[in-house]
Amino acid sequence: MNDDTFFERLRNDAQPLRYEPDDVTWTRLQARVRDRIRTPATVAQLLAAWFRPVAASIAALTLATAIGSAWYQQTHDVTPTATIDAIASPADTPSDGDTLSAD
């Protein structure tokens, strides 16, 4: 069986499943489409059309920032005691043969 006969058989089998509107329904559908095309969009519709994608983008950016911040805090956990110990411990710094002390 080649592809041509398969598709032909598929079309014939699907014929009863097709929706064929009657003339009245078809005329009403065309009128509704023409009406929506001719009617200009209101300010509220234009704002809604722009606001939804912008709001979705901001929400996605906020979610990515929250996840990134949580990940960064978990992987780069700096204990305050280690920082305080490093600052509090006196260090002797050699410079040009002399030893400088924090004392």
N, C-alpha and C. Protein backbone atom coordinates (compact mmCIF):
# COMPACT_ATOMS: atom_id res chain seq x y z
N MET A 1 0.85 -1.17 0.00
CA MET A 1 0.00 0.00 0.00
C MET A 1 0.90 1.24 0.00
N ASN A 2 0.74 2.09 -0.97
CA ASN A 2 1.55 3.30 -1.02
C ASN A 2 0.82 4.45 -0.33
N ASP A 3 1.48 5.60 -0.26
CA ASP A 3 0.91 6.73 0.47
C ASP A 3 -0.34 7.29 -0.20
N ASP A 4 -0.41 7.23 -1.53
CA ASP A 4 -1.56 7.80 -2.24
C ASP A 4 -2.85 7.07 -1.87
N THR A 5 -2.81 5.77 -1.85
CA THR A 5 -4.02 5.03 -1.52
C THR A 5 -4.37 5.17 -0.04
N PHE A 6 -3.34 5.29 0.81
CA PHE A 6 -3.59 5.47 2.24
C PHE A 6 -4.34 6.77 2.50
N PHE A 7 -3.84 7.87 1.91
CA PHE A 7 -4.48 9.16 2.12
C PHE A 7 -5.86 9.21 1.50
N GLU A 8 -6.03 8.57 0.36
CA GLU A 8 -7.34 8.53 -0.28
C GLU A 8 -8.34 7.77 0.61
N ARG A 9 -7.92 6.65 1.15
CA ARG A 9 -8.77 5.89 2.06
C ARG A 9 -9.08 6.68 3.32
N LEU A 10 -8.08 7.40 3.82
CA LEU A 10 -8.28 8.22 5.02
C LEU A 10 -9.30 9.33 4.76
N ARG A 11 -9.21 9.97 3.62
CA ARG A 11 -10.19 11.01 3.27
C ARG A 11 -11.59 10.44 3.17
N ASN A 12 -11.71 9.29 2.53
CA ASN A 12 -13.03 8.68 2.39
C ASN A 12 -13.61 8.25 3.74
N ASP A 13 -12.76 7.73 4.62
CA ASP A 13 -13.23 7.31 5.94
C ASP A 13 -13.62 8.52 6.81
N ALA A 14 -12.95 9.64 6.61
CA ALA A 14 -13.21 10.83 7.43
C ALA A 14 -14.36 11.67 6.89
N GLN A 15 -14.85 11.38 5.72
CA GLN A 15 -15.92 12.18 5.12
C GLN A 15 -17.14 12.32 6.03
N PRO A 16 -17.63 11.29 6.70
CA PRO A 16 -18.79 11.49 7.58
C PRO A 16 -18.50 12.33 8.81
N LEU A 17 -17.24 12.49 9.17
CA LEU A 17 -16.89 13.25 10.36
C LEU A 17 -16.74 14.74 10.11
N ARG A 18 -16.71 15.15 8.86
CA ARG A 18 -16.53 16.56 8.52
C ARG A 18 -17.76 17.37 8.89
N TYR A 19 -17.50 18.61 9.31
CA TYR A 19 -18.60 19.51 9.64
C TYR A 19 -18.83 20.40 8.42
N GLU A 20 -19.97 20.30 7.85
CA GLU A 20 -20.34 21.12 6.71
C GLU A 20 -21.52 21.99 7.14
N PRO A 21 -21.27 23.28 7.41
CA PRO A 21 -22.39 24.13 7.84
C PRO A 21 -23.37 24.38 6.71
N ASP A 22 -24.63 24.59 7.09
CA ASP A 22 -25.64 24.89 6.07
C ASP A 22 -25.49 26.35 5.64
N ASP A 23 -26.27 26.78 4.68
CA ASP A 23 -26.12 28.12 4.11
C ASP A 23 -26.39 29.22 5.13
N VAL A 24 -27.36 29.02 6.01
CA VAL A 24 -27.68 30.04 7.01
C VAL A 24 -26.52 30.21 7.99
N THR A 25 -25.98 29.12 8.47
CA THR A 25 -24.86 29.18 9.41
C THR A 25 -23.63 29.78 8.74
N TRP A 26 -23.40 29.44 7.49
CA TRP A 26 -22.25 29.96 6.76
C TRP A 26 -22.37 31.47 6.58
N THR A 27 -23.57 31.96 6.28
CA THR A 27 -23.80 33.40 6.10
C THR A 27 -23.60 34.14 7.42
N ARG A 28 -24.09 33.58 8.52
CA ARG A 28 -23.92 34.20 9.83
C ARG A 28 -22.44 34.27 10.22
N LEU A 29 -21.72 33.20 9.95
CA LEU A 29 -20.29 33.17 10.27
C LEU A 29 -19.53 34.24 9.48
N GLN A 30 -19.83 34.37 8.20
CA GLN A 30 -19.18 35.39 7.39
C GLN A 30 -19.51 36.79 7.89
N ALA A 31 -20.75 37.01 8.29
CA ALA A 31 -21.16 38.32 8.80
C ALA A 31 -20.43 38.66 10.10
N ARG A 32 -20.27 37.69 10.98
CA ARG A 32 -19.56 37.92 12.24
C ARG A 32 -18.10 38.25 11.99
N VAL A 33 -17.48 37.55 11.05
CA VAL A 33 -16.07 37.81 10.75
C VAL A 33 -15.92 39.21 10.16
N ARG A 34 -16.78 39.57 9.20
CA ARG A 34 -16.72 40.90 8.60
C ARG A 34 -16.94 41.99 9.65
N ASP A 35 -17.86 41.78 10.57
CA ASP A 35 -18.14 42.76 11.61
C ASP A 35 -16.93 42.96 12.52
N ARG A 36 -16.26 41.88 12.89
CA ARG A 36 -15.08 41.99 13.76
C ARG A 36 -13.92 42.65 13.04
N ILE A 37 -13.83 42.47 11.74
CA ILE A 37 -12.74 43.10 10.99
C ILE A 37 -12.99 44.60 10.86
N ARG A 38 -14.22 44.98 10.60
CA ARG A 38 -14.56 46.40 10.39
C ARG A 38 -14.56 47.20 11.67
N THR A 39 -14.88 46.61 12.80
CA THR A 39 -14.97 47.34 14.06
C THR A 39 -13.56 47.62 14.58
N PRO A 40 -13.22 48.92 14.78
CA PRO A 40 -11.89 49.22 15.31
C PRO A 40 -11.79 48.81 16.78
N ALA A 41 -10.59 48.50 17.19
CA ALA A 41 -10.36 48.08 18.58
C ALA A 41 -10.45 49.29 19.50
N THR A 42 -11.00 49.07 20.68
CA THR A 42 -11.08 50.15 21.67
C THR A 42 -9.74 50.27 22.39
N VAL A 43 -9.63 51.35 23.15
CA VAL A 43 -8.39 51.58 23.91
C VAL A 43 -8.19 50.45 24.92
N ALA A 44 -9.25 50.01 25.55
CA ALA A 44 -9.14 48.93 26.53
C ALA A 44 -8.66 47.64 25.88
N GLN A 45 -9.14 47.36 24.68
CA GLN A 45 -8.70 46.14 23.98
C GLN A 45 -7.23 46.24 23.58
N LEU A 46 -6.80 47.42 23.13
CA LEU A 46 -5.39 47.59 22.78
C LEU A 46 -4.49 47.46 24.00
N LEU A 47 -4.90 48.06 25.11
CA LEU A 47 -4.11 47.93 26.34
C LEU A 47 -4.05 46.49 26.82
N ALA A 48 -5.17 45.79 26.74
CA ALA A 48 -5.20 44.39 27.16
C ALA A 48 -4.31 43.55 26.26
N ALA A 49 -4.30 43.85 24.98
CA ALA A 49 -3.47 43.08 24.05
C ALA A 49 -1.98 43.29 24.33
N TRP A 50 -1.58 44.47 24.80
CA TRP A 50 -0.18 44.72 25.11
C TRP A 50 0.17 44.34 26.55
N PHE A 51 -0.78 44.51 27.46
CA PHE A 51 -0.48 44.29 28.87
C PHE A 51 -0.26 42.83 29.20
N ARG A 52 -1.03 41.95 28.62
CA ARG A 52 -0.91 40.52 28.94
C ARG A 52 0.49 39.97 28.64
N PRO A 53 1.04 40.20 27.44
CA PRO A 53 2.39 39.67 27.19
C PRO A 53 3.46 40.33 28.07
N VAL A 54 3.31 41.62 28.33
CA VAL A 54 4.29 42.31 29.18
C VAL A 54 4.22 41.77 30.61
N ALA A 55 3.01 41.58 31.12
CA ALA A 55 2.85 41.04 32.47
C ALA A 55 3.40 39.62 32.55
N ALA A 56 3.18 38.82 31.53
CA ALA A 56 3.71 37.45 31.53
C ALA A 56 5.24 37.46 31.49
N SER A 57 5.82 38.37 30.73
CA SER A 57 7.29 38.46 30.67
C SER A 57 7.87 38.89 32.01
N ILE A 58 7.23 39.86 32.65
CA ILE A 58 7.71 40.31 33.96
C ILE A 58 7.58 39.20 35.00
N ALA A 59 6.48 38.47 34.94
CA ALA A 59 6.29 37.36 35.88
C ALA A 59 7.37 36.29 35.67
N ALA A 60 7.67 35.97 34.42
CA ALA A 60 8.71 34.97 34.14
C ALA A 60 10.08 35.47 34.61
N LEU A 61 10.36 36.74 34.40
CA LEU A 61 11.63 37.31 34.84
C LEU A 61 11.73 37.30 36.37
N THR A 62 10.64 37.60 37.05
CA THR A 62 10.62 37.57 38.51
C THR A 62 10.85 36.15 39.03
N LEU A 63 10.20 35.19 38.41
CA LEU A 63 10.37 33.80 38.81
C LEU A 63 11.82 33.34 38.61
N ALA A 64 12.40 33.69 37.47
CA ALA A 64 13.80 33.32 37.20
C ALA A 64 14.74 33.99 38.20
N THR A 65 14.47 35.23 38.55
CA THR A 65 15.30 35.93 39.54
C THR A 65 15.19 35.30 40.91
N ALA A 66 13.98 34.94 41.30
CA ALA A 66 13.80 34.30 42.62
C ALA A 66 14.51 32.96 42.68
N ILE A 67 14.39 32.17 41.63
CA ILE A 67 15.07 30.87 41.60
C ILE A 67 16.58 31.05 41.60
N GLY A 68 17.06 32.00 40.80
CA GLY A 68 18.50 32.26 40.74
C GLY A 68 19.04 32.76 42.07
N SER A 69 18.30 33.63 42.72
CA SER A 69 18.73 34.15 44.02
C SER A 69 18.78 33.05 45.07
N ALA A 70 17.78 32.19 45.08
CA ALA A 70 17.77 31.08 46.04
C ALA A 70 18.92 30.12 45.77
N TRP A 71 19.18 29.84 44.51
CA TRP A 71 20.29 28.95 44.15
C TRP A 71 21.62 29.57 44.56
N TYR A 72 21.79 30.86 44.31
CA TYR A 72 23.04 31.54 44.64
C TYR A 72 23.28 31.53 46.15
N GLN A 73 22.23 31.76 46.92
CA GLN A 73 22.39 31.77 48.38
C GLN A 73 22.74 30.38 48.91
N GLN A 74 22.22 29.34 48.29
CA GLN A 74 22.53 27.98 48.75
C GLN A 74 23.95 27.58 48.39
N THR A 75 24.40 27.94 47.19
CA THR A 75 25.72 27.50 46.75
C THR A 75 26.85 28.39 47.26
N HIS A 76 26.55 29.63 47.59
CA HIS A 76 27.58 30.55 48.07
C HIS A 76 27.27 30.98 49.50
N ASP A 77 27.13 30.00 50.36
CA ASP A 77 26.79 30.28 51.75
C ASP A 77 28.05 30.73 52.49
N VAL A 78 28.07 31.98 52.90
CA VAL A 78 29.20 32.53 53.65
C VAL A 78 28.76 32.71 55.09
N THR A 79 29.47 32.06 55.99
CA THR A 79 29.11 32.17 57.40
C THR A 79 29.66 33.48 57.96
N PRO A 80 28.90 34.19 58.74
CA PRO A 80 29.40 35.45 59.29
C PRO A 80 30.55 35.24 60.28
N THR A 81 30.59 34.10 60.97
CA THR A 81 31.67 33.88 61.94
C THR A 81 33.02 33.74 61.24
N ALA A 82 33.04 33.13 60.08
CA ALA A 82 34.31 33.01 59.36
C ALA A 82 34.81 34.38 58.92
N THR A 83 33.91 35.25 58.52
CA THR A 83 34.31 36.59 58.11
C THR A 83 34.79 37.39 59.31
N ILE A 84 34.09 37.28 60.44
CA ILE A 84 34.49 38.01 61.65
C ILE A 84 35.84 37.50 62.15
N ASP A 85 36.06 36.19 62.12
CA ASP A 85 37.35 35.62 62.55
C ASP A 85 38.48 36.10 61.66
N ALA A 86 38.24 36.19 60.39
CA ALA A 86 39.29 36.64 59.47
C ALA A 86 39.62 38.10 59.71
N ILE A 87 38.62 38.90 60.05
CA ILE A 87 38.88 40.32 60.31
C ILE A 87 39.56 40.50 61.67
N ALA A 88 39.15 39.74 62.68
CA ALA A 88 39.65 39.92 64.04
C ALA A 88 41.06 39.37 64.25
N SER A 89 41.47 38.37 63.48
CA SER A 89 42.79 37.77 63.72
C SER A 89 43.88 38.73 63.25
N PRO A 90 44.86 38.98 64.12
CA PRO A 90 45.96 39.86 63.72
C PRO A 90 46.84 39.16 62.69
N ALA A 91 47.25 39.90 61.72
CA ALA A 91 48.09 39.33 60.67
C ALA A 91 49.39 40.11 60.60
N ASP A 92 50.46 39.39 60.47
CA ASP A 92 51.76 40.02 60.28
C ASP A 92 52.02 40.08 58.79
N THR A 93 52.28 41.26 58.28
CA THR A 93 52.47 41.45 56.86
C THR A 93 53.91 41.83 56.58
N PRO A 94 54.63 40.99 55.83
CA PRO A 94 56.00 41.37 55.48
C PRO A 94 56.00 42.39 54.35
N SER A 95 56.85 43.43 54.50
CA SER A 95 56.96 44.45 53.48
C SER A 95 58.39 44.95 53.46
N ASP A 96 59.07 44.75 52.36
CA ASP A 96 60.47 45.19 52.16
C ASP A 96 61.40 44.75 53.27
N GLY A 97 61.25 43.52 53.70
CA GLY A 97 62.13 42.97 54.72
C GLY A 97 61.67 43.27 56.13
N ASP A 98 60.77 44.23 56.31
CA ASP A 98 60.24 44.54 57.63
C ASP A 98 58.92 43.82 57.82
N THR A 99 58.63 43.44 59.04
CA THR A 99 57.37 42.78 59.33
C THR A 99 56.45 43.77 60.01
N LEU A 100 55.29 44.01 59.36
CA LEU A 100 54.31 44.94 59.92
C LEU A 100 53.28 44.12 60.67
N SER A 101 52.93 44.57 61.85
CA SER A 101 51.99 43.86 62.68
C SER A 101 50.74 44.72 62.85
N ALA A 102 49.62 44.05 63.08
CA ALA A 102 48.35 44.78 63.29
C ALA A 102 48.27 45.30 64.71
N ASP A 103 49.23 44.96 65.58
CA ASP A 103 49.19 45.40 66.98
C ASP A 103 49.54 46.85 67.12
